[in-house]
């Protein structure tokens, strides 16, 4: 069985590139993808080993971030 450790979140559209660059700099934590452009919903495809670190990074960014429960 494949475990889904993805971290879903919402941010303002103007911050998408910023967040993507942050995670590119933290190589191997996860990949940022857009889930729903109209709802500003994104996901970091993380692993069970990195999901908590991804959440910590997101909530400590100097921008408003809304974490969304796994779908």
N, C-alpha and C. Protein backbone atom coordinates (compact mmCIF):
# COMPACT_ATOMS: atom_id res chain seq x y z
N UNK A 1 0.84 -1.18 0.00
CA UNK A 1 0.00 0.00 0.00
C UNK A 1 0.89 1.25 0.00
N UNK A 2 0.53 2.22 -0.83
CA UNK A 2 1.29 3.45 -0.92
C UNK A 2 0.71 4.47 0.05
N UNK A 3 1.56 5.02 0.89
CA UNK A 3 1.13 6.01 1.87
C UNK A 3 1.20 7.40 1.24
N UNK A 4 0.15 8.20 1.41
CA UNK A 4 0.15 9.57 0.88
C UNK A 4 0.56 10.52 1.99
N UNK A 5 1.75 11.06 1.88
CA UNK A 5 2.27 12.01 2.86
C UNK A 5 2.29 13.42 2.31
N UNK A 6 1.48 13.67 1.32
CA UNK A 6 1.43 14.99 0.70
C UNK A 6 0.93 16.03 1.69
N UNK A 7 1.43 17.25 1.56
CA UNK A 7 1.02 18.36 2.42
C UNK A 7 0.32 19.38 1.54
N UNK A 8 -0.97 19.58 1.80
CA UNK A 8 -1.79 20.52 1.02
C UNK A 8 -1.85 21.85 1.75
N UNK A 9 -1.85 22.94 0.98
CA UNK A 9 -1.88 24.27 1.59
C UNK A 9 -2.41 25.29 0.60
N UNK A 10 -2.84 26.43 1.15
CA UNK A 10 -3.30 27.55 0.32
C UNK A 10 -2.42 28.76 0.60
N UNK A 11 -2.09 29.45 -0.46
CA UNK A 11 -1.36 30.71 -0.36
C UNK A 11 -1.88 31.63 -1.46
N UNK A 12 -1.57 32.89 -1.33
CA UNK A 12 -1.93 33.84 -2.38
C UNK A 12 -1.16 33.48 -3.64
N UNK A 13 -1.80 33.64 -4.77
CA UNK A 13 -1.18 33.29 -6.06
C UNK A 13 0.16 33.99 -6.25
N UNK A 14 0.29 35.21 -5.74
CA UNK A 14 1.53 35.96 -5.93
C UNK A 14 2.72 35.34 -5.20
N UNK A 15 2.47 34.40 -4.28
CA UNK A 15 3.55 33.77 -3.52
C UNK A 15 3.94 32.38 -4.02
N UNK A 16 3.30 31.90 -5.06
CA UNK A 16 3.56 30.53 -5.53
C UNK A 16 5.02 30.35 -5.94
N UNK A 17 5.55 31.26 -6.72
CA UNK A 17 6.94 31.12 -7.16
C UNK A 17 7.90 31.16 -5.98
N UNK A 18 7.62 32.03 -5.01
CA UNK A 18 8.45 32.12 -3.80
C UNK A 18 8.52 30.77 -3.08
N UNK A 19 7.35 30.18 -2.84
CA UNK A 19 7.31 28.89 -2.13
C UNK A 19 8.00 27.80 -2.94
N UNK A 20 7.79 27.80 -4.24
CA UNK A 20 8.45 26.82 -5.08
C UNK A 20 9.97 26.95 -4.98
N UNK A 21 10.48 28.19 -5.00
CA UNK A 21 11.93 28.40 -4.88
C UNK A 21 12.45 27.94 -3.51
N UNK A 22 11.69 28.15 -2.47
CA UNK A 22 12.10 27.69 -1.14
C UNK A 22 12.30 26.18 -1.16
N UNK A 23 11.34 25.45 -1.71
CA UNK A 23 11.45 23.99 -1.70
C UNK A 23 12.49 23.47 -2.69
N UNK A 24 12.75 24.21 -3.75
CA UNK A 24 13.86 23.83 -4.62
C UNK A 24 15.18 23.94 -3.87
N UNK A 25 15.28 24.95 -3.00
CA UNK A 25 16.49 25.12 -2.19
C UNK A 25 16.66 24.05 -1.13
N UNK A 26 15.56 23.50 -0.65
CA UNK A 26 15.58 22.42 0.34
C UNK A 26 15.52 21.08 -0.38
N UNK A 27 16.35 20.86 -1.34
CA UNK A 27 16.32 19.65 -2.17
C UNK A 27 15.91 18.41 -1.37
N UNK A 28 15.15 17.58 -2.01
CA UNK A 28 14.75 16.26 -1.50
C UNK A 28 13.66 16.28 -0.43
N UNK A 29 13.09 17.43 -0.11
CA UNK A 29 11.98 17.44 0.85
C UNK A 29 10.65 17.15 0.18
N UNK A 30 10.48 17.62 -1.03
CA UNK A 30 9.24 17.39 -1.75
C UNK A 30 9.13 18.30 -2.95
N UNK A 31 8.14 18.04 -3.76
CA UNK A 31 7.92 18.79 -4.99
C UNK A 31 6.60 19.54 -4.87
N UNK A 32 6.62 20.83 -5.21
CA UNK A 32 5.43 21.67 -5.14
C UNK A 32 4.66 21.56 -6.45
N UNK A 33 3.35 21.35 -6.35
CA UNK A 33 2.47 21.30 -7.51
C UNK A 33 1.18 22.04 -7.20
N UNK A 34 0.56 22.58 -8.23
CA UNK A 34 -0.74 23.21 -8.09
C UNK A 34 -1.82 22.15 -8.22
N UNK A 35 -2.76 22.16 -7.28
CA UNK A 35 -3.89 21.23 -7.31
C UNK A 35 -5.09 21.91 -7.94
N UNK A 36 -5.40 23.12 -7.48
CA UNK A 36 -6.55 23.87 -7.98
C UNK A 36 -6.17 25.35 -8.06
N UNK A 37 -5.91 25.80 -9.25
CA UNK A 37 -5.46 27.18 -9.46
C UNK A 37 -6.52 28.19 -8.99
N UNK A 38 -7.78 27.90 -9.22
CA UNK A 38 -8.85 28.83 -8.84
C UNK A 38 -9.04 28.93 -7.34
N UNK A 39 -8.67 27.90 -6.61
CA UNK A 39 -8.82 27.86 -5.16
C UNK A 39 -7.50 28.13 -4.45
N UNK A 40 -6.44 28.43 -5.22
CA UNK A 40 -5.10 28.65 -4.66
C UNK A 40 -4.61 27.47 -3.83
N UNK A 41 -4.99 26.27 -4.22
CA UNK A 41 -4.62 25.06 -3.48
C UNK A 41 -3.39 24.43 -4.12
N UNK A 42 -2.37 24.22 -3.30
CA UNK A 42 -1.14 23.60 -3.75
C UNK A 42 -0.83 22.39 -2.89
N UNK A 43 0.16 21.62 -3.32
CA UNK A 43 0.57 20.45 -2.56
C UNK A 43 2.09 20.32 -2.64
N UNK A 44 2.67 19.86 -1.56
CA UNK A 44 4.05 19.42 -1.60
C UNK A 44 4.00 17.91 -1.52
N UNK A 45 4.45 17.26 -2.55
CA UNK A 45 4.50 15.79 -2.57
C UNK A 45 5.70 15.37 -1.75
N UNK A 46 5.44 15.05 -0.50
CA UNK A 46 6.49 14.71 0.46
C UNK A 46 6.44 13.21 0.77
N UNK A 47 7.35 12.78 1.60
CA UNK A 47 7.35 11.39 2.08
C UNK A 47 7.01 11.40 3.56
N UNK A 48 6.79 10.24 4.12
CA UNK A 48 6.48 10.18 5.55
C UNK A 48 7.65 10.72 6.39
N UNK A 49 8.85 10.64 5.86
CA UNK A 49 10.03 11.15 6.57
C UNK A 49 10.16 12.66 6.49
N UNK A 50 9.59 13.28 5.47
CA UNK A 50 9.79 14.73 5.28
C UNK A 50 8.53 15.58 5.49
N UNK A 51 7.38 14.97 5.62
CA UNK A 51 6.12 15.73 5.71
C UNK A 51 6.09 16.70 6.89
N UNK A 52 6.57 16.29 8.05
CA UNK A 52 6.56 17.19 9.21
C UNK A 52 7.49 18.38 9.01
N UNK A 53 8.63 18.15 8.38
CA UNK A 53 9.56 19.24 8.09
C UNK A 53 8.93 20.21 7.09
N UNK A 54 8.24 19.67 6.09
CA UNK A 54 7.55 20.50 5.10
C UNK A 54 6.52 21.39 5.81
N UNK A 55 5.73 20.82 6.70
CA UNK A 55 4.74 21.62 7.44
C UNK A 55 5.42 22.72 8.25
N UNK A 56 6.51 22.37 8.93
CA UNK A 56 7.23 23.36 9.73
C UNK A 56 7.74 24.51 8.87
N UNK A 57 8.27 24.20 7.71
CA UNK A 57 8.75 25.25 6.81
C UNK A 57 7.59 26.14 6.38
N UNK A 58 6.50 25.53 5.96
CA UNK A 58 5.36 26.31 5.47
C UNK A 58 4.81 27.26 6.53
N UNK A 59 4.61 26.78 7.74
CA UNK A 59 4.01 27.64 8.77
C UNK A 59 4.96 28.71 9.28
N UNK A 60 6.23 28.58 8.99
CA UNK A 60 7.20 29.57 9.44
C UNK A 60 7.64 30.54 8.34
N UNK A 61 7.04 30.43 7.16
CA UNK A 61 7.33 31.38 6.09
C UNK A 61 6.74 32.75 6.46
N UNK A 62 7.35 33.83 5.99
CA UNK A 62 6.84 35.17 6.32
C UNK A 62 5.68 35.61 5.42
N UNK A 63 4.83 34.65 5.06
CA UNK A 63 3.63 34.92 4.26
C UNK A 63 2.48 34.13 4.88
N UNK A 64 1.24 34.52 4.63
CA UNK A 64 0.11 33.74 5.13
C UNK A 64 0.01 32.39 4.41
N UNK A 65 -0.01 31.32 5.19
CA UNK A 65 -0.14 29.96 4.66
C UNK A 65 -1.24 29.25 5.44
N UNK A 66 -2.17 28.67 4.72
CA UNK A 66 -3.24 27.88 5.34
C UNK A 66 -2.99 26.40 5.01
N UNK A 67 -2.65 25.62 6.03
CA UNK A 67 -2.50 24.18 5.82
C UNK A 67 -3.88 23.57 5.68
N UNK A 68 -4.01 22.61 4.78
CA UNK A 68 -5.28 21.96 4.51
C UNK A 68 -5.11 20.47 4.80
N UNK A 69 -6.07 19.90 5.49
CA UNK A 69 -5.99 18.47 5.80
C UNK A 69 -5.88 17.67 4.51
N UNK A 70 -5.18 16.55 4.57
CA UNK A 70 -5.05 15.69 3.39
C UNK A 70 -6.42 15.37 2.83
N UNK A 71 -6.50 15.37 1.53
CA UNK A 71 -7.78 15.20 0.85
C UNK A 71 -8.06 13.76 0.61
